[in-house]
Amino acid sequence: MPKTVTELHSDERLVQAAAEIALDGYEGPGRYEAAGRPEYAALVTAGSEIWLDTGDRAAAESVWSPEVCGLTTNNTLINQVVQTGRLDETIQTVGRRMREAWPDMSSADLIMEVAFVLNARIGLELVQRFGAKVSVELHPDIADDWEATVAFGKRYFAICPDRFIIKVPMTPAGFLAVRALSEAGVPVNYTLGFSARQNHFAAVFSRPAYVNVFLGRLGSLMQENGLGDGSGIGEKVTLASQETLERLRQADSRIPTCQIAASLRAAPQVTALAGVDVHTIPPKVAREYLDSRPDLSVIRRRSSAEFTVSLSSDPRVAAMLRALWEVTPEFDQFCRKADAAAGSLKCGRDLISLAQESGVPDFFRDWPVEEQLEIRKGGKIPELARWVDVAAIDDLMSQAALQSFAADQGELDDRIGRLIL
């Protein structure tokens, strides 16, 4: 009988071999010398950690300072690095070594292993260069397989337990996987979040180290769907999520979850979100922020109430938008119920069913394959008119983000395939 994805990629010999290949030449955490930047220091004083959103060492170096303590990669950013050709020789070497050791491995499994090693190598390069913690992301093909997610998450963490944080995409299966990883002591950056309620549920049910709001994409959603200029919505949702997480952390010592302000698009968003637990800033935006010479005396923590959003005249869309920043008592009750029932949940569909039975049927959608492919063709920002009666905005945006990462991972996998097969 053929092995499952989890069984094959959990084989002890394979796991050890991949780790050894990934660690080949790694010399441990380094330290990149750079001058301090008062613009970053003001954010730190307000309560924010600063991470750079890139896998490109040169881009990170251009805006680095001692105040920066992390970097984050994803499938898109890794693909950008790989498509330069800089790692072609590494890909060929890794592929050859894996093929020699496992000649019967299928092409698809070989590509997945090479992609795993490649992602780990890029992460280790960043650790060795900067000494910072680095978020590394899983292959999108396992997003709905919680057992494979746990297996690969533990594998990444074992390679660099003092620096690696594991990025898991926000899916129903992902919530189960993140819970298991958190219980195993693996720090998780639970990514592709778009609402305060998604992150509230994540904190109560899965207790990851970090959650996200991809706030720039929320602004683009408003713009591209004719709902306004997009200003304020990302900031409002991020701060609302920060506030709900702070309440949860204060009430329950088991919850460590911190908020990441992700997908920042412009310098004003950096200052507006001062005090959010973590900023992941693309180098281009970091440079814009530094060059803008912000008035450091006015950088302060703000509240979600300070941002207003023009709601659609369509009451259905207006209600969907409000759900991005509101967490109702009824929704919190569902979170507690799910936490208590966790032992009986065996797969993502069980969690979907529980949400439907608990009066929050819009929280998850069991996305058919044909709809996933339709969303992938539509790009990062979906057309709301098509989906307004089908799915909630947060779940729709999480699915669109996952599909955009899957498309980029597909390009990366194609390049790997051409080089090793």
Protein backbone atom coordinates (compact mmCIF):
# COMPACT_ATOMS: atom_id res chain seq x y z
CA MET A 1 0.00 0.00 0.00
CA PRO A 2 1.44 3.48 -0.91
CA LYS A 3 2.46 5.64 1.99
CA THR A 4 0.45 8.75 2.82
CA VAL A 5 2.07 12.18 2.54
CA THR A 6 2.58 12.18 6.30
CA GLU A 7 4.04 8.67 6.43
CA LEU A 8 6.44 9.24 3.56
CA HIS A 9 7.69 12.64 4.64
CA SER A 10 7.94 11.53 8.27
CA ASP A 11 10.26 8.62 7.48
CA GLU A 12 13.06 8.95 10.02
CA ARG A 13 15.88 8.44 7.52
CA LEU A 14 14.38 10.95 5.09
CA VAL A 15 13.80 13.52 7.82
CA GLN A 16 17.38 13.19 9.02
CA ALA A 17 18.84 13.34 5.52
CA ALA A 18 16.85 16.46 4.58
CA ALA A 19 17.89 18.19 7.80
CA GLU A 20 21.56 17.39 7.20
CA ILE A 21 21.37 18.73 3.64
CA ALA A 22 19.61 21.89 4.80
CA LEU A 23 22.19 22.48 7.54
CA ASP A 24 25.20 21.81 5.31
CA GLY A 25 27.44 24.88 5.57
CA TYR A 26 25.31 26.60 8.24
CA GLU A 27 27.57 28.27 10.80
CA GLY A 28 24.99 29.42 13.34
CA PRO A 29 23.35 32.79 14.06
CA GLY A 30 25.34 35.78 12.93
CA ARG A 31 25.19 39.48 13.65
CA TYR A 32 24.83 42.15 11.02
CA GLU A 33 26.44 45.39 12.12
CA ALA A 34 24.36 48.47 11.35
CA ALA A 35 23.66 51.80 12.96
CA GLY A 36 20.58 52.28 15.08
CA ARG A 37 17.64 54.10 13.58
CA PRO A 38 15.52 56.39 15.80
CA GLU A 39 12.53 55.85 13.49
CA TYR A 40 12.55 52.16 14.41
CA ALA A 41 13.35 52.88 18.05
CA ALA A 42 10.17 54.96 18.34
CA LEU A 43 8.11 51.96 17.25
CA VAL A 44 9.88 49.71 19.74
CA THR A 45 9.22 52.22 22.51
CA ALA A 46 5.53 52.14 21.57
CA GLY A 47 5.56 48.36 22.05
CA SER A 48 6.19 46.92 18.57
CA GLU A 49 8.72 44.38 17.38
CA ILE A 50 10.06 45.09 13.90
CA TRP A 51 10.42 42.31 11.33
CA LEU A 52 11.30 42.71 7.67
CA ASP A 53 9.07 40.98 5.16
CA THR A 54 11.61 39.54 2.74
CA GLY A 55 13.79 36.56 1.93
CA ASP A 56 16.26 38.77 0.04
CA ARG A 57 19.40 39.39 2.11
CA ALA A 58 20.49 42.47 0.17
CA ALA A 59 17.06 44.06 0.49
CA ALA A 60 17.06 43.40 4.24
CA GLU A 61 20.58 44.81 4.65
CA SER A 62 19.54 48.10 3.05
CA VAL A 63 17.09 48.90 5.87
CA TRP A 64 18.54 46.88 8.75
CA SER A 65 19.28 48.18 12.22
CA PRO A 66 19.75 46.69 15.70
CA GLU A 67 16.07 47.39 16.41
CA VAL A 68 15.01 44.81 13.80
CA CYS A 69 14.64 41.36 15.37
CA GLY A 70 12.95 39.18 12.76
CA LEU A 71 12.34 38.38 9.13
CA THR A 72 9.46 36.60 7.50
CA THR A 73 9.32 34.63 4.28
CA ASN A 74 6.43 33.13 2.35
CA ASN A 75 5.88 31.19 -0.84
CA THR A 76 5.76 34.35 -2.94
CA LEU A 77 8.94 35.82 -1.47
CA ILE A 78 10.84 32.53 -1.72
CA ASN A 79 9.71 32.18 -5.33
CA GLN A 80 11.05 35.66 -6.09
CA VAL A 81 14.46 34.64 -4.78
CA VAL A 82 14.46 31.30 -6.58
CA GLN A 83 13.41 32.77 -9.93
CA THR A 84 16.57 34.90 -9.99
CA GLY A 85 18.50 31.67 -10.61
CA ARG A 86 20.80 32.31 -7.66
CA LEU A 87 19.90 28.95 -6.11
CA ASP A 88 19.79 26.78 -9.24
CA GLU A 89 23.01 24.98 -8.38
CA THR A 90 21.75 24.36 -4.85
CA ILE A 91 18.49 22.95 -6.22
CA GLN A 92 20.34 20.57 -8.53
CA THR A 93 22.67 19.42 -5.76
CA VAL A 94 19.83 18.81 -3.31
CA GLY A 95 17.76 17.02 -5.94
CA ARG A 96 20.65 14.75 -6.90
CA ARG A 97 21.42 13.83 -3.29
CA MET A 98 17.77 13.11 -2.51
CA ARG A 99 17.30 11.05 -5.68
CA GLU A 100 20.42 8.98 -4.99
CA ALA A 101 19.20 8.18 -1.48
CA TRP A 102 15.56 7.53 -2.48
CA PRO A 103 15.50 6.41 -6.12
CA ASP A 104 11.87 5.22 -5.87
CA MET A 105 10.45 8.53 -4.62
CA SER A 106 7.83 10.01 -6.94
CA SER A 107 8.62 13.21 -8.79
CA ALA A 108 5.97 15.12 -6.83
CA ASP A 109 7.34 13.96 -3.48
CA LEU A 110 10.91 14.71 -4.56
CA ILE A 111 9.94 18.25 -5.56
CA MET A 112 8.21 18.75 -2.21
CA GLU A 113 11.31 17.58 -0.35
CA VAL A 114 13.60 19.82 -2.40
CA ALA A 115 11.24 22.76 -1.79
CA PHE A 116 11.34 21.99 1.93
CA VAL A 117 15.14 21.94 2.00
CA LEU A 118 15.30 25.09 -0.15
CA ASN A 119 12.96 27.00 2.15
CA ALA A 120 14.98 25.88 5.16
CA ARG A 121 18.26 26.87 3.48
CA ILE A 122 16.99 30.37 2.69
CA GLY A 123 15.76 30.72 6.27
CA LEU A 124 19.12 29.57 7.62
CA GLU A 125 20.95 32.03 5.35
CA LEU A 126 18.94 34.82 6.94
CA VAL A 127 19.64 33.54 10.46
CA GLN A 128 23.35 33.27 9.70
CA ARG A 129 23.45 36.76 8.21
CA PHE A 130 21.34 38.65 10.73
CA GLY A 131 20.98 36.44 13.82
CA ALA A 132 17.26 37.18 13.78
CA LYS A 133 14.29 34.88 14.16
CA VAL A 134 12.83 33.86 10.81
CA SER A 135 9.33 32.74 9.84
CA VAL A 136 9.35 29.87 7.32
CA GLU A 137 6.20 28.83 5.49
CA LEU A 138 4.80 25.40 4.67
CA HIS A 139 3.95 24.11 1.20
CA PRO A 140 0.36 25.12 0.27
CA ASP A 141 -0.42 21.61 -0.96
CA ILE A 142 -0.72 20.43 2.64
CA ALA A 143 -2.88 23.32 3.86
CA ASP A 144 -5.91 21.05 4.31
CA ASP A 145 -3.94 18.11 5.74
CA TRP A 146 -3.48 18.74 9.43
CA GLU A 147 -1.31 15.69 10.07
CA ALA A 148 1.13 16.60 7.27
CA THR A 149 1.15 20.20 8.53
CA VAL A 150 2.17 19.01 11.98
CA ALA A 151 4.84 16.70 10.54
CA PHE A 152 6.45 19.36 8.36
CA GLY A 153 6.08 22.01 11.06
CA LYS A 154 8.03 19.87 13.52
CA ARG A 155 10.66 19.16 10.85
CA TYR A 156 11.27 22.86 10.19
CA PHE A 157 11.44 23.64 13.88
CA ALA A 158 13.94 20.82 14.55
CA ILE A 159 16.33 22.28 11.97
CA CYS A 160 16.66 25.61 13.80
CA PRO A 161 14.70 25.55 17.08
CA ASP A 162 16.31 28.71 18.45
CA ARG A 163 15.31 30.90 15.47
CA PHE A 164 12.64 29.32 13.24
CA ILE A 165 8.95 30.22 13.59
CA ILE A 166 6.61 28.09 11.50
CA LYS A 167 4.05 29.79 9.26
CA VAL A 168 0.81 27.84 8.83
CA PRO A 169 -1.96 29.10 6.51
CA MET A 170 -5.35 29.79 8.09
CA THR A 171 -7.61 26.86 7.15
CA PRO A 172 -9.95 24.67 9.26
CA ALA A 173 -7.36 21.88 9.22
CA GLY A 174 -4.73 24.46 10.07
CA PHE A 175 -6.48 25.32 13.33
CA LEU A 176 -6.17 21.69 14.44
CA ALA A 177 -2.56 21.51 13.30
CA VAL A 178 -1.59 24.75 15.03
CA ARG A 179 -3.14 23.52 18.26
CA ALA A 180 -1.04 20.35 18.07
CA LEU A 181 2.12 22.28 17.20
CA SER A 182 1.55 24.79 19.99
CA GLU A 183 1.05 21.95 22.48
CA ALA A 184 4.35 20.46 21.24
CA GLY A 185 6.17 23.72 21.94
CA VAL A 186 6.58 24.73 18.29
CA PRO A 187 6.16 28.51 17.80
CA VAL A 188 3.64 29.18 15.04
CA ASN A 189 3.01 32.28 12.98
CA TYR A 190 -0.60 31.53 11.98
CA THR A 191 -0.79 33.44 8.74
CA LEU A 192 -3.33 34.62 6.14
CA GLY A 193 -5.64 36.16 8.72
CA PHE A 194 -8.00 39.00 7.83
CA SER A 195 -10.25 39.61 10.83
CA ALA A 196 -10.33 40.08 14.57
CA ARG A 197 -12.69 37.11 14.93
CA GLN A 198 -10.36 34.76 13.04
CA ASN A 199 -7.54 35.73 15.37
CA HIS A 200 -9.78 35.56 18.44
CA PHE A 201 -10.68 31.99 17.52
CA ALA A 202 -7.03 31.13 16.80
CA ALA A 203 -5.93 32.41 20.20
CA VAL A 204 -8.64 30.58 22.16
CA PHE A 205 -8.52 27.32 20.20
CA SER A 206 -4.96 26.97 18.88
CA ARG A 207 -2.84 29.35 21.01
CA PRO A 208 -0.21 30.17 18.38
CA ALA A 209 2.65 32.52 19.10
CA TYR A 210 1.48 34.95 16.39
CA VAL A 211 -1.49 35.75 14.18
CA ASN A 212 -1.80 38.21 11.30
CA VAL A 213 -4.02 40.75 9.65
CA PHE A 214 -3.05 41.24 5.99
CA LEU A 215 -4.20 44.81 6.21
CA GLY A 216 -2.93 46.07 2.85
CA ARG A 217 -5.05 43.55 1.02
CA LEU A 218 -8.15 44.73 2.88
CA GLY A 219 -7.54 48.22 1.55
CA SER A 220 -7.11 46.81 -1.96
CA LEU A 221 -10.34 44.86 -1.55
CA MET A 222 -12.23 48.08 -0.90
CA GLN A 223 -10.59 49.91 -3.79
CA GLU A 224 -10.94 47.20 -6.41
CA ASN A 225 -14.58 46.55 -5.52
CA GLY A 226 -15.61 50.20 -5.66
CA LEU A 227 -16.23 50.47 -1.92
CA GLY A 228 -14.02 53.50 -1.31
CA ASP A 229 -10.35 54.42 -1.30
CA GLY A 230 -9.50 51.63 1.15
CA SER A 231 -8.06 53.94 3.78
CA GLY A 232 -8.52 52.99 7.41
CA ILE A 233 -10.01 49.53 7.11
CA GLY A 234 -6.76 47.60 7.49
CA GLU A 235 -5.73 49.74 10.42
CA LYS A 236 -9.13 49.39 12.11
CA VAL A 237 -9.18 45.59 11.75
CA THR A 238 -5.56 45.19 12.91
CA LEU A 239 -6.10 47.32 16.00
CA ALA A 240 -9.39 45.58 16.81
CA SER A 241 -7.59 42.26 16.62
CA GLN A 242 -4.76 43.60 18.80
CA GLU A 243 -7.32 44.72 21.38
CA THR A 244 -9.13 41.38 21.49
CA LEU A 245 -5.83 39.52 21.86
CA GLU A 246 -4.75 41.78 24.71
CA ARG A 247 -8.02 41.05 26.52
CA LEU A 248 -7.56 37.31 25.99
CA ARG A 249 -3.94 37.33 27.17
CA GLN A 250 -4.90 39.23 30.32
CA ALA A 251 -7.76 36.83 31.09
CA ASP A 252 -6.02 33.54 30.31
CA SER A 253 -2.33 32.89 30.99
CA ARG A 254 -2.39 29.93 28.58
CA ILE A 255 -2.83 32.31 25.63
CA PRO A 256 0.47 33.78 24.38
CA THR A 257 -0.79 35.01 21.01
CA CYS A 258 0.63 38.25 19.64
CA GLN A 259 -0.67 40.33 16.75
CA ILE A 260 1.26 40.93 13.52
CA ALA A 261 0.44 43.89 11.31
CA ALA A 262 1.19 42.32 7.93
CA SER A 263 1.00 43.35 4.29
CA LEU A 264 1.92 46.95 5.07
CA ARG A 265 1.74 49.04 1.90
CA ALA A 266 2.80 52.57 2.87
CA ALA A 267 4.75 54.52 5.49
CA PRO A 268 1.65 56.10 7.14
CA GLN A 269 0.43 52.61 8.06
CA VAL A 270 3.66 52.00 9.98
CA THR A 271 3.14 55.03 12.20
CA ALA A 272 -0.62 54.50 12.51
CA LEU A 273 -0.06 51.01 13.90
CA ALA A 274 2.66 51.85 16.42
CA GLY A 275 2.24 49.59 19.44
CA VAL A 276 0.85 46.60 17.56
CA ASP A 277 2.87 43.64 18.83
CA VAL A 278 4.77 43.06 15.57
CA HIS A 279 5.18 44.90 12.27
CA THR A 280 6.30 42.87 9.26
CA ILE A 281 7.50 45.57 6.88
CA PRO A 282 8.57 45.01 3.26
CA PRO A 283 11.96 46.67 2.64
CA LYS A 284 10.40 49.09 0.15
CA VAL A 285 7.92 50.31 2.77
CA ALA A 286 10.62 50.38 5.44
CA ARG A 287 12.73 52.64 3.20
CA GLU A 288 9.72 54.88 2.57
CA TYR A 289 9.09 55.09 6.32
CA LEU A 290 12.72 55.92 7.11
CA ASP A 291 12.96 58.51 4.35
CA SER A 292 9.69 60.18 5.38
CA ARG A 293 11.39 61.53 8.53
CA PRO A 294 8.32 60.95 10.74
CA ASP A 295 7.70 63.20 13.72
CA LEU A 296 8.79 60.78 16.44
CA SER A 297 7.15 62.82 19.19
CA VAL A 298 3.67 61.93 17.94
CA ILE A 299 4.19 58.20 17.39
CA ARG A 300 1.84 56.53 19.85
CA ARG A 301 -0.52 53.64 20.30
CA ARG A 302 -3.94 54.20 18.80
CA SER A 303 -7.27 52.44 19.20
CA SER A 304 -9.50 50.85 16.58
CA ALA A 305 -12.22 53.39 17.44
CA GLU A 306 -10.04 56.15 15.96
CA PHE A 307 -10.52 54.73 12.46
CA THR A 308 -13.80 54.93 10.59
CA VAL A 309 -14.70 52.96 7.50
CA SER A 310 -17.27 53.99 4.92
CA LEU A 311 -19.62 51.05 4.69
CA SER A 312 -21.37 49.90 1.56
CA SER A 313 -24.95 50.95 0.85
CA ASP A 314 -25.61 47.24 0.30
CA PRO A 315 -26.58 46.01 3.81
CA ARG A 316 -25.19 42.55 3.08
CA VAL A 317 -21.74 43.93 2.26
CA ALA A 318 -21.87 46.38 5.18
CA ALA A 319 -22.58 43.52 7.61
CA MET A 320 -19.73 41.48 6.11
CA LEU A 321 -17.32 44.38 6.55
CA ARG A 322 -18.31 44.97 10.18
CA ALA A 323 -17.64 41.29 10.89
CA LEU A 324 -13.98 41.94 10.12
CA TRP A 325 -13.47 43.97 13.30
CA GLU A 326 -16.32 42.87 15.55
CA VAL A 327 -16.14 39.92 17.96
CA THR A 328 -19.57 39.21 19.42
CA PRO A 329 -20.28 37.39 22.71
CA GLU A 330 -21.98 34.67 20.66
CA PHE A 331 -18.82 34.17 18.64
CA ASP A 332 -16.72 33.98 21.80
CA GLN A 333 -19.07 31.27 23.07
CA PHE A 334 -18.43 29.27 19.91
CA CYS A 335 -14.67 29.63 20.47
CA ARG A 336 -15.00 28.26 24.01
CA LYS A 337 -17.20 25.42 22.81
CA ALA A 338 -14.69 24.46 20.13
CA ASP A 339 -11.84 24.56 22.63
CA ALA A 340 -13.73 22.22 24.95
CA ALA A 341 -14.59 19.86 22.06
CA ALA A 342 -11.10 19.80 20.55
CA GLY A 343 -10.45 16.19 21.54
CA SER A 344 -13.34 14.96 19.38
CA LEU A 345 -12.36 16.93 16.26
CA LYS A 346 -10.50 14.68 13.82
CA CYS A 347 -10.30 16.84 10.71
CA GLY A 348 -11.04 20.29 9.35
CA ARG A 349 -14.54 19.31 8.28
CA ASP A 350 -15.40 18.47 11.88
CA LEU A 351 -14.56 22.05 12.80
CA ILE A 352 -16.65 23.36 9.91
CA SER A 353 -19.61 21.29 11.12
CA LEU A 354 -19.19 22.50 14.69
CA ALA A 355 -19.26 26.13 13.54
CA GLN A 356 -22.45 25.52 11.57
CA GLU A 357 -24.08 23.78 14.54
CA SER A 358 -23.00 26.59 16.87
CA GLY A 359 -24.70 29.43 15.00
CA VAL A 360 -21.71 30.82 13.09
CA PRO A 361 -22.19 29.17 9.68
CA ASP A 362 -20.34 31.96 7.85
CA PHE A 363 -17.05 31.44 9.70
CA PHE A 364 -15.87 28.57 7.50
CA ARG A 365 -16.70 27.43 4.00
CA ASP A 366 -15.86 23.96 2.77
CA TRP A 367 -14.42 25.24 -0.51
CA PRO A 368 -14.97 22.91 -3.50
CA VAL A 369 -11.93 22.40 -5.71
CA GLU A 370 -13.56 24.18 -8.65
CA GLU A 371 -14.16 27.28 -6.51
CA GLN A 372 -10.57 27.21 -5.26
CA LEU A 373 -9.35 27.18 -8.86
CA GLU A 374 -11.73 30.01 -9.77
CA ILE A 375 -10.37 32.10 -6.91
CA ARG A 376 -6.80 31.32 -7.94
CA LYS A 377 -7.47 32.60 -11.45
CA GLY A 378 -8.97 35.79 -9.99
CA GLY A 379 -5.79 36.77 -8.14
CA LYS A 380 -5.24 38.12 -4.64
CA ILE A 381 -8.32 40.36 -4.56
CA PRO A 382 -11.64 38.60 -5.26
CA GLU A 383 -14.70 40.20 -6.82
CA LEU A 384 -17.13 40.63 -3.92
CA ALA A 385 -20.20 40.64 -6.11
CA ARG A 386 -19.41 37.04 -7.08
CA TRP A 387 -19.02 35.84 -3.50
CA VAL A 388 -21.25 38.08 -1.38
CA ASP A 389 -23.88 35.37 -0.91
CA VAL A 390 -21.35 32.53 -0.74
CA ALA A 391 -18.71 33.28 1.89
CA ALA A 392 -17.70 35.74 4.59
CA ILE A 393 -15.05 38.30 3.61
CA ASP A 394 -12.42 37.03 6.04
CA ASP A 395 -12.74 33.40 4.92
CA LEU A 396 -12.87 34.49 1.27
CA MET A 397 -9.73 36.59 1.63
CA SER A 398 -7.89 33.79 3.45
CA GLN A 399 -8.75 31.43 0.61
CA ALA A 400 -7.68 33.99 -2.01
CA ALA A 401 -4.36 34.51 -0.20
CA LEU A 402 -3.78 30.77 0.02
CA GLN A 403 -4.50 30.35 -3.68
CA SER A 404 -2.14 33.18 -4.61
CA PHE A 405 0.60 31.51 -2.57
CA ALA A 406 -0.24 28.18 -4.21
CA ALA A 407 0.18 29.79 -7.64
CA ASP A 408 3.61 31.13 -6.69
CA GLN A 409 4.57 27.81 -5.15
CA GLY A 410 3.54 26.20 -8.43
CA GLU A 411 6.02 28.41 -10.30
CA LEU A 412 8.73 27.53 -7.78
CA ASP A 413 7.94 23.81 -8.05
CA ASP A 414 8.04 24.03 -11.85
CA ARG A 415 11.52 25.53 -11.71
CA ILE A 416 12.67 22.83 -9.31
CA GLY A 417 11.18 20.17 -11.60
CA ARG A 418 12.97 21.51 -14.66
CA LEU A 419 16.30 21.46 -12.82
CA ILE A 420 16.14 18.04 -11.18
CA LEU A 421 13.91 15.79 -13.29
